[in-house]
PDB file of N, CA and C in Angstrom:
ATOM      1  N   MET A   1      99.879 106.680  90.502  1.00  0.00           N
ATOM      2  CA  MET A   1     100.666 105.449  89.475  1.00  0.00           C
ATOM      3  C   MET A   1     101.732 105.220  89.798  1.00  0.00           C
ATOM      4  N   PHE A   2     102.380 104.254  89.434  1.00  0.00           N
ATOM      5  CA  PHE A   2     103.411 103.701  89.737  1.00  0.00           C
ATOM      6  C   PHE A   2     103.644 102.870  88.521  1.00  0.00           C
ATOM      7  N   GLU A   3     104.807 102.715  87.865  1.00  0.00           N
ATOM      8  CA  GLU A   3     105.285 101.560  86.927  1.00  0.00           C
ATOM      9  C   GLU A   3     106.795 100.990  87.029  1.00  0.00           C
ATOM     10  N   TYR A   4     106.986 100.059  86.861  1.00  0.00           N
ATOM     11  CA  TYR A   4     108.004  99.403  87.035  1.00  0.00           C
ATOM     12  C   TYR A   4     108.641  98.915  85.786  1.00  0.00           C
ATOM     13  N   VAL A   5     110.216  98.685  86.086  1.00  0.00           N
ATOM     14  CA  VAL A   5     110.993  98.833  84.624  1.00  0.00           C
ATOM     15  C   VAL A   5     110.540  97.816  83.849  1.00  0.00           C
ATOM     16  N   ASN A   6     109.733  97.005  84.304  1.00  0.00           N
ATOM     17  CA  ASN A   6     108.929  95.900  83.288  1.00  0.00           C
ATOM     18  C   ASN A   6     108.010  95.990  82.731  1.00  0.00           C
ATOM     19  N   GLY A   7     107.419  96.941  83.269  1.00  0.00           N
ATOM     20  CA  GLY A   7     106.130  97.476  82.413  1.00  0.00           C
ATOM     21  C   GLY A   7     104.747  97.283  83.349  1.00  0.00           C
ATOM     22  N   PHE A   8     105.058  96.874  84.516  1.00  0.00           N
ATOM     23  CA  PHE A   8     103.760  96.529  85.134  1.00  0.00           C
ATOM     24  C   PHE A   8     103.582  97.970  85.842  1.00  0.00           C
ATOM     25  N   ARG A   9     101.942  98.370  85.759  1.00  0.00           N
ATOM     26  CA  ARG A   9     101.645  99.493  86.600  1.00  0.00           C
ATOM     27  C   ARG A   9     100.406  98.946  87.076  1.00  0.00           C
ATOM     28  N   LYS A  10     100.086  99.929  88.042  1.00  0.00           N
ATOM     29  CA  LYS A  10      99.068 100.130  88.839  1.00  0.00           C
ATOM     30  C   LYS A  10      98.807 101.551  89.723  1.00  0.00           C
ATOM     31  N   ALA A  11      97.421 101.696  90.003  1.00  0.00           N
ATOM     32  CA  ALA A  11      96.884 102.890  89.992  1.00  0.00           C
ATOM     33  C   ALA A  11      95.831 103.026  91.209  1.00  0.00           C
ATOM     34  N   MET A  12      95.987 103.677  91.982  1.00  0.00           N
ATOM     35  CA  MET A  12      94.777 103.564  92.859  1.00  0.00           C
ATOM     36  C   MET A  12      94.332 105.250  92.987  1.00  0.00           C
ATOM     37  N   TYR A  13      93.233 105.284  93.492  1.00  0.00           N
ATOM     38  CA  TYR A  13      92.606 106.815  93.671  1.00  0.00           C
ATOM     39  C   TYR A  13      91.827 106.587  95.088  1.00  0.00           C
ATOM     40  N   TRP A  14      91.974 108.198  95.969  1.00  0.00           N
ATOM     41  CA  TRP A  14      90.969 108.533  97.040  1.00  0.00           C
ATOM     42  C   TRP A  14      90.729 109.126  96.799  1.00  0.00           C
ATOM     43  N   SER A  15      89.266 109.697  97.433  1.00  0.00           N
ATOM     44  CA  SER A  15      88.554 111.290  97.512  1.00  0.00           C
ATOM     45  C   SER A  15      89.437 112.058  98.377  1.00  0.00           C
ATOM     46  N   ARG A  16      88.743 113.015  98.204  1.00  0.00           N
ATOM     47  CA  ARG A  16      89.630 114.004  98.996  1.00  0.00           C
ATOM     48  C   ARG A  16      89.345 113.857 100.479  1.00  0.00           C
ATOM     49  N   LYS A  17      88.038 113.705 100.703  1.00  0.00           N
ATOM     50  CA  LYS A  17      87.500 113.260 102.134  1.00  0.00           C
ATOM     51  C   LYS A  17      88.171 111.880 102.647  1.00  0.00           C
ATOM     52  N   LYS A  18      88.720 110.783 102.032  1.00  0.00           N
ATOM     53  CA  LYS A  18      89.342 109.772 102.782  1.00  0.00           C
ATOM     54  C   LYS A  18      90.754 110.021 102.905  1.00  0.00           C
ATOM     55  N   MET A  19      91.445 110.984 102.277  1.00  0.00           N
ATOM     56  CA  MET A  19      92.661 111.467 102.348  1.00  0.00           C
ATOM     57  C   MET A  19      92.982 112.311 103.749  1.00  0.00           C
ATOM     58  N   GLU A  20      91.934 113.257 103.723  1.00  0.00           N
ATOM     59  CA  GLU A  20      91.828 113.908 104.978  1.00  0.00           C
ATOM     60  C   GLU A  20      91.488 113.522 106.127  1.00  0.00           C
ATOM     61  N   GLY A  21      90.807 112.096 105.856  1.00  0.00           N
ATOM     62  CA  GLY A  21      90.290 111.157 106.879  1.00  0.00           C
ATOM     63  C   GLY A  21      91.743 110.409 107.553  1.00  0.00           C
ATOM     64  N   TYR A  22      92.521 110.264 106.817  1.00  0.00           N
ATOM     65  CA  TYR A  22      93.821 109.535 106.691  1.00  0.00           C
ATOM     66  C   TYR A  22      94.705 110.088 107.431  1.00  0.00           C
ATOM     67  N   ALA A  23      94.874 111.592 106.918  1.00  0.00           N
ATOM     68  CA  ALA A  23      95.779 112.606 107.464  1.00  0.00           C
ATOM     69  C   ALA A  23      95.089 112.829 109.204  1.00  0.00           C
ATOM     70  N   LEU A  24      94.211 113.024 109.345  1.00  0.00           N
ATOM     71  CA  LEU A  24      93.353 113.159 110.844  1.00  0.00           C
ATOM     72  C   LEU A  24      93.736 111.823 111.612  1.00  0.00           C
ATOM     73  N   LYS A  25      93.728 110.633 111.231  1.00  0.00           N
ATOM     74  CA  LYS A  25      94.042 109.320 111.599  1.00  0.00           C
ATOM     75  C   LYS A  25      95.811 109.367 112.195  1.00  0.00           C
ATOM     76  N   TYR A  26      96.499 109.822 111.590  1.00  0.00           N
ATOM     77  CA  TYR A  26      97.837 109.330 111.365  1.00  0.00           C
ATOM     78  C   TYR A  26      98.843 110.846 111.309  1.00  0.00           C
ATOM     79  N   SER A  27      98.318 111.733 111.725  1.00  0.00           N
ATOM     80  CA  SER A  27      99.024 113.185 111.654  1.00  0.00           C
ATOM     81  C   SER A  27      98.592 113.774 113.119  1.00  0.00           C
ATOM     82  N   LYS A  28      99.062 113.881 114.042  1.00  0.00           N
ATOM     83  CA  LYS A  28      98.634 114.124 115.347  1.00  0.00           C
ATOM     84  C   LYS A  28      98.803 115.953 115.117  1.00  0.00           C
ATOM     85  N   GLY A  29      99.760 116.191 114.581  1.00  0.00           N
ATOM     86  CA  GLY A  29      99.871 117.654 114.126  1.00  0.00           C
ATOM     87  C   GLY A  29      98.792 118.567 113.313  1.00  0.00           C
ATOM     88  N   TYR A  30      98.615 117.667 112.336  1.00  0.00           N
ATOM     89  CA  TYR A  30      97.125 117.687 111.781  1.00  0.00           C
ATOM     90  C   TYR A  30      96.190 118.260 112.210  1.00  0.00           C
ATOM     91  N   VAL A  31      95.801 117.505 113.083  1.00  0.00           N
ATOM     92  CA  VAL A  31      94.670 117.527 114.081  1.00  0.00           C
ATOM     93  C   VAL A  31      94.551 118.635 114.727  1.00  0.00           C
ATOM     94  N   ALA A  32      96.015 118.893 115.137  1.00  0.00           N
ATOM     95  CA  ALA A  32      95.968 120.248 115.938  1.00  0.00           C
ATOM     96  C   ALA A  32      95.701 121.589 115.054  1.00  0.00           C
ATOM     97  N   LYS A  33      95.991 121.454 113.958  1.00  0.00           N
ATOM     98  CA  LYS A  33      95.786 122.787 113.162  1.00  0.00           C
ATOM     99  C   LYS A  33      96.535 124.000 113.292  1.00  0.00           C
ATOM    100  N   LYS A  34      97.631 123.352 113.635  1.00  0.00           N
ATOM    101  CA  LYS A  34      98.588 124.867 114.199  1.00  0.00           C
ATOM    102  C   LYS A  34      99.598 125.233 113.163  1.00  0.00           C
ATOM    103  N   GLY A  35      99.542 124.879 111.804  1.00  0.00           N
ATOM    104  CA  GLY A  35      99.982 125.155 110.681  1.00  0.00           C
ATOM    105  C   GLY A  35     101.599 124.897 110.401  1.00  0.00           C
ATOM    106  N   TYR A  36     102.308 124.161 111.153  1.00  0.00           N
ATOM    107  CA  TYR A  36     103.791 123.502 111.029  1.00  0.00           C
ATOM    108  C   TYR A  36     103.733 122.102 110.519  1.00  0.00           C
ATOM    109  N   THR A  37     102.649 121.400 109.979  1.00  0.00           N
ATOM    110  CA  THR A  37     102.954 120.283 109.497  1.00  0.00           C
ATOM    111  C   THR A  37     103.041 120.166 108.044  1.00  0.00           C
ATOM    112  N   PHE A  38     103.738 119.054 107.336  1.00  0.00           N
ATOM    113  CA  PHE A  38     103.737 119.011 106.289  1.00  0.00           C
ATOM    114  C   PHE A  38     102.276 118.710 105.596  1.00  0.00           C
ATOM    115  N   TRP A  39     101.269 118.220 106.489  1.00  0.00           N
ATOM    116  CA  TRP A  39      99.757 118.169 105.608  1.00  0.00           C
ATOM    117  C   TRP A  39      99.227 119.313 105.450  1.00  0.00           C
ATOM    118  N   GLU A  40      99.606 120.476 106.385  1.00  0.00           N
ATOM    119  CA  GLU A  40      98.882 121.690 105.953  1.00  0.00           C
ATOM    120  C   GLU A  40      99.781 122.661 105.166  1.00  0.00           C
ATOM    121  N   LYS A  41     101.265 122.322 104.964  1.00  0.00           N
ATOM    122  CA  LYS A  41     102.060 123.105 104.403  1.00  0.00           C
ATOM    123  C   LYS A  41     101.687 122.818 102.995  1.00  0.00           C
ATOM    124  N   ASP A  42     101.902 121.410 102.608  1.00  0.00           N
ATOM    125  CA  ASP A  42     101.972 120.789 101.348  1.00  0.00           C
ATOM    126  C   ASP A  42     100.992 119.777 101.043  1.00  0.00           C
ATOM    127  N   PHE A  43      99.575 120.167 101.263  1.00  0.00           N
ATOM    128  CA  PHE A  43      98.804 118.779 101.221  1.00  0.00           C
ATOM    129  C   PHE A  43      99.018 117.454 100.162  1.00  0.00           C
ATOM    130  N   ASP A  44      98.943 118.380  98.877  1.00  0.00           N
ATOM    131  CA  ASP A  44      98.975 117.626  97.585  1.00  0.00           C
ATOM    132  C   ASP A  44     100.415 116.962  97.460  1.00  0.00           C
ATOM    133  N   GLY A  45     101.580 117.134  97.853  1.00  0.00           N
ATOM    134  CA  GLY A  45     102.585 116.609  97.641  1.00  0.00           C
ATOM    135  C   GLY A  45     102.225 115.348  98.957  1.00  0.00           C
ATOM    136  N   MET A  46     102.081 115.393 100.185  1.00  0.00           N
ATOM    137  CA  MET A  46     101.550 114.423 101.240  1.00  0.00           C
ATOM    138  C   MET A  46     100.679 113.372 100.576  1.00  0.00           C
ATOM    139  N   GLU A  47      99.185 114.192  99.734  1.00  0.00           N
ATOM    140  CA  GLU A  47      98.766 113.069  99.364  1.00  0.00           C
ATOM    141  C   GLU A  47      99.240 111.955  97.900  1.00  0.00           C
ATOM    142  N   TYR A  48     100.390 112.600  97.331  1.00  0.00           N
ATOM    143  CA  TYR A  48     100.950 112.037  96.561  1.00  0.00           C
ATOM    144  C   TYR A  48     102.125 111.179  96.946  1.00  0.00           C
ATOM    145  N   LYS A  49     102.451 111.440  98.098  1.00  0.00           N
ATOM    146  CA  LYS A  49     103.793 110.659  98.712  1.00  0.00           C
ATOM    147  C   LYS A  49     102.737 109.219  99.694  1.00  0.00           C
ATOM    148  N   THR A  50     101.645 109.688 100.096  1.00  0.00           N
ATOM    149  CA  THR A  50     100.800 108.554 100.739  1.00  0.00           C
ATOM    150  C   THR A  50     100.476 107.817  99.850  1.00  0.00           C
ATOM    151  N   MET A  51     100.326 108.054  98.514  1.00  0.00           N
ATOM    152  CA  MET A  51      99.456 107.009  97.526  1.00  0.00           C
ATOM    153  C   MET A  51     100.431 106.274  97.556  1.00  0.00           C
ATOM    154  N   LEU A  52     101.907 106.549  96.871  1.00  0.00           N
ATOM    155  CA  LEU A  52     102.851 106.153  96.448  1.00  0.00           C
ATOM    156  C   LEU A  52     103.248 105.140  97.313  1.00  0.00           C
ATOM    157  N   ARG A  53     103.325 105.499  98.823  1.00  0.00           N
ATOM    158  CA  ARG A  53     103.368 104.548  99.503  1.00  0.00           C
ATOM    159  C   ARG A  53     102.397 103.172 100.077  1.00  0.00           C
ATOM    160  N   GLN A  54     101.265 103.758  99.574  1.00  0.00           N
ATOM    161  CA  GLN A  54      99.922 102.690  99.777  1.00  0.00           C
ATOM    162  C   GLN A  54     100.311 101.870  98.662  1.00  0.00           C
ATOM    163  N   LEU A  55     100.556 102.453  97.467  1.00  0.00           N
ATOM    164  CA  LEU A  55     100.495 101.540  96.358  1.00  0.00           C
ATOM    165  C   LEU A  55     101.882 100.188  96.337  1.00  0.00           C
ATOM    166  N   THR A  56     103.007 101.348  96.615  1.00  0.00           N
ATOM    167  CA  THR A  56     104.430  99.893  96.718  1.00  0.00           C
ATOM    168  C   THR A  56     104.134  99.066  98.047  1.00  0.00           C
ATOM    169  N   SER A  57     103.369  99.427  99.066  1.00  0.00           N
ATOM    170  CA  SER A  57     103.090  98.766 100.261  1.00  0.00           C
ATOM    171  C   SER A  57     102.163  97.104  99.699  1.00  0.00           C
ATOM    172  N   LYS A  58     101.516  97.433  99.102  1.00  0.00           N
ATOM    173  CA  LYS A  58     100.304  96.756  98.681  1.00  0.00           C
ATOM    174  C   LYS A  58     100.674  95.574  97.280  1.00  0.00           C
ATOM    175  N   TRP A  59     101.377  96.599  96.573  1.00  0.00           N
ATOM    176  CA  TRP A  59     101.816  95.587  94.998  1.00  0.00           C
ATOM    177  C   TRP A  59     103.127  95.292  94.843  1.00  0.00           C
TER     178      TRP A  59
END
């Protein structure tokens, strides 16, 4: 969820399965499973960043 200073709010929710599908599609390192990508090191942080980018690009 994000909120602008003028009070506009927007929220979006993805399932874990959809988020993993996104990671597999856009992160070649995550597909390789070698343990060096941010998707493998900090999945929750990458989920947060991805959702924030999705929200701000659409709204």
